[in-house]
């Protein structure tokens, strides 16, 4: 567990409490697998939005505001999973951020397969 959760993350704890009340009122019998599928569904909507924005399809519907909304929906489901497991979302996030910041991606980077590579070096059929 993280020794120090930034003070501003106290708001996450408060949001988690509000979501817990909402969840117990409207979805008292929700099981974890349902929440996980909710994460997947909302992540799919996020991916769809980004893809349509990239392709210029229906810019009036697929825009930055919709990306923002999709991210929020994913977070609400993730917080729901934390609630069911008795975890504090701020601690989960803090622990994970610390782990991610310690990773040395440049030492394990595979050219063409990293985030930010615009032209992957592997083509379909390459082995």
Protein backbone atom coordinates (compact mmCIF):
# COMPACT_ATOMS: atom_id res chain seq x y z
CA UNK A 1 0.00 0.00 0.00
CA UNK A 2 1.23 3.47 -0.75
CA UNK A 3 2.54 5.41 2.18
CA UNK A 4 1.20 8.69 0.92
CA UNK A 5 -1.83 9.34 -1.24
CA UNK A 6 -1.75 12.88 -2.60
CA UNK A 7 -4.24 15.10 -0.75
CA UNK A 8 -6.04 15.97 -3.96
CA UNK A 9 -6.90 12.29 -4.34
CA UNK A 10 -9.15 12.59 -1.28
CA UNK A 11 -11.74 13.68 -3.81
CA UNK A 12 -11.49 10.22 -5.38
CA UNK A 13 -12.35 8.71 -2.01
CA UNK A 14 -15.35 11.03 -1.74
CA UNK A 15 -16.47 10.13 -5.27
CA UNK A 16 -16.08 6.46 -4.41
CA UNK A 17 -18.46 6.94 -1.47
CA UNK A 18 -21.03 8.64 -3.68
CA UNK A 19 -20.74 5.91 -6.32
CA UNK A 20 -21.11 3.25 -3.60
CA UNK A 21 -24.40 4.82 -2.49
CA UNK A 22 -25.64 5.08 -6.08
CA UNK A 23 -24.56 1.52 -6.85
CA UNK A 24 -26.28 0.08 -3.75
CA UNK A 25 -29.47 1.96 -4.60
CA UNK A 26 -29.71 1.12 -8.29
CA UNK A 27 -27.58 -2.01 -8.73
CA UNK A 28 -27.53 -3.76 -5.34
CA UNK A 29 -27.14 -7.23 -6.84
CA UNK A 30 -24.46 -6.35 -9.40
CA UNK A 31 -21.74 -8.95 -9.57
CA UNK A 32 -18.11 -8.25 -10.31
CA UNK A 33 -18.23 -9.93 -13.71
CA UNK A 34 -21.00 -7.52 -14.73
CA UNK A 35 -18.87 -4.55 -13.73
CA UNK A 36 -15.90 -5.95 -15.64
CA UNK A 37 -18.06 -6.32 -18.74
CA UNK A 38 -19.21 -2.73 -18.18
CA UNK A 39 -15.56 -1.63 -18.28
CA UNK A 40 -15.12 -3.52 -21.55
CA UNK A 41 -18.27 -2.06 -23.07
CA UNK A 42 -17.30 1.50 -22.17
CA UNK A 43 -13.71 0.98 -23.32
CA UNK A 44 -15.13 -0.24 -26.62
CA UNK A 45 -17.18 2.93 -26.91
CA UNK A 46 -14.02 4.95 -26.23
CA UNK A 47 -12.15 3.05 -28.93
CA UNK A 48 -15.02 3.52 -31.38
CA UNK A 49 -15.08 7.25 -30.70
CA UNK A 50 -11.33 7.67 -31.18
CA UNK A 51 -11.41 5.60 -34.39
CA UNK A 52 -14.30 7.60 -35.84
CA UNK A 53 -12.58 10.86 -34.89
CA UNK A 54 -9.39 9.66 -36.59
CA UNK A 55 -11.36 8.84 -39.73
CA UNK A 56 -13.44 12.01 -39.63
CA UNK A 57 -16.75 10.15 -39.35
CA UNK A 58 -19.66 12.10 -37.82
CA UNK A 59 -17.53 14.75 -36.10
CA UNK A 60 -20.67 16.21 -34.54
CA UNK A 61 -21.12 12.95 -32.56
CA UNK A 62 -17.57 11.67 -32.13
CA UNK A 63 -15.55 14.40 -30.49
CA UNK A 64 -13.39 15.23 -27.48
CA UNK A 65 -16.42 15.61 -25.23
CA UNK A 66 -17.51 12.07 -26.05
CA UNK A 67 -13.98 10.78 -25.37
CA UNK A 68 -14.08 12.50 -22.00
CA UNK A 69 -17.50 10.97 -21.21
CA UNK A 70 -16.30 7.50 -22.20
CA UNK A 71 -13.25 7.78 -19.95
CA UNK A 72 -15.50 8.82 -17.07
CA UNK A 73 -17.80 5.84 -17.69
CA UNK A 74 -14.84 3.44 -17.59
CA UNK A 75 -13.67 4.98 -14.31
CA UNK A 76 -17.13 4.65 -12.73
CA UNK A 77 -17.16 0.92 -13.48
CA UNK A 78 -13.59 0.52 -12.18
CA UNK A 79 -14.55 2.28 -8.97
CA UNK A 80 -17.51 -0.11 -8.70
CA UNK A 81 -15.11 -3.05 -8.82
CA UNK A 82 -12.97 -1.43 -6.11
CA UNK A 83 -16.08 -0.94 -3.96
CA UNK A 84 -17.00 -4.61 -4.22
CA UNK A 85 -13.48 -5.67 -3.28
CA UNK A 86 -13.23 -3.18 -0.42
CA UNK A 87 -10.38 -1.27 -2.06
CA UNK A 88 -9.79 2.47 -1.96
CA UNK A 89 -9.52 3.73 -5.55
CA UNK A 90 -6.93 6.34 -4.53
CA UNK A 91 -4.67 3.67 -3.05
CA UNK A 92 -5.10 1.40 -6.06
CA UNK A 93 -4.24 4.25 -8.40
CA UNK A 94 -1.34 5.49 -6.28
CA UNK A 95 0.21 2.02 -6.05
CA UNK A 96 -0.12 1.49 -9.78
CA UNK A 97 1.29 4.91 -10.66
CA UNK A 98 4.34 4.19 -8.51
CA UNK A 99 4.88 0.85 -10.28
CA UNK A 100 4.45 2.36 -13.74
CA UNK A 101 6.87 5.21 -13.02
CA UNK A 102 9.54 2.69 -12.01
CA UNK A 103 9.33 0.76 -15.30
CA UNK A 104 12.17 1.16 -17.76
CA UNK A 105 10.34 0.81 -21.05
CA UNK A 106 13.23 1.98 -23.20
CA UNK A 107 15.28 -1.02 -22.07
CA UNK A 108 12.61 -3.50 -23.20
CA UNK A 109 11.30 -1.64 -26.21
CA UNK A 110 10.64 -3.62 -29.38
CA UNK A 111 10.95 -1.31 -32.40
CA UNK A 112 7.67 -0.96 -34.24
CA UNK A 113 5.57 -2.29 -31.39
CA UNK A 114 5.69 0.56 -28.91
CA UNK A 115 3.09 3.22 -28.26
CA UNK A 116 3.91 6.19 -30.41
CA UNK A 117 5.48 4.25 -33.26
CA UNK A 118 3.76 5.53 -36.37
CA UNK A 119 4.97 2.84 -38.74
CA UNK A 120 5.16 -0.64 -37.21
CA UNK A 121 8.09 -2.63 -38.52
CA UNK A 122 6.16 -5.90 -38.60
CA UNK A 123 3.76 -6.56 -41.41
CA UNK A 124 0.98 -9.13 -41.69
CA UNK A 125 2.62 -12.41 -42.59
CA UNK A 126 6.02 -11.52 -41.00
CA UNK A 127 7.23 -14.05 -38.48
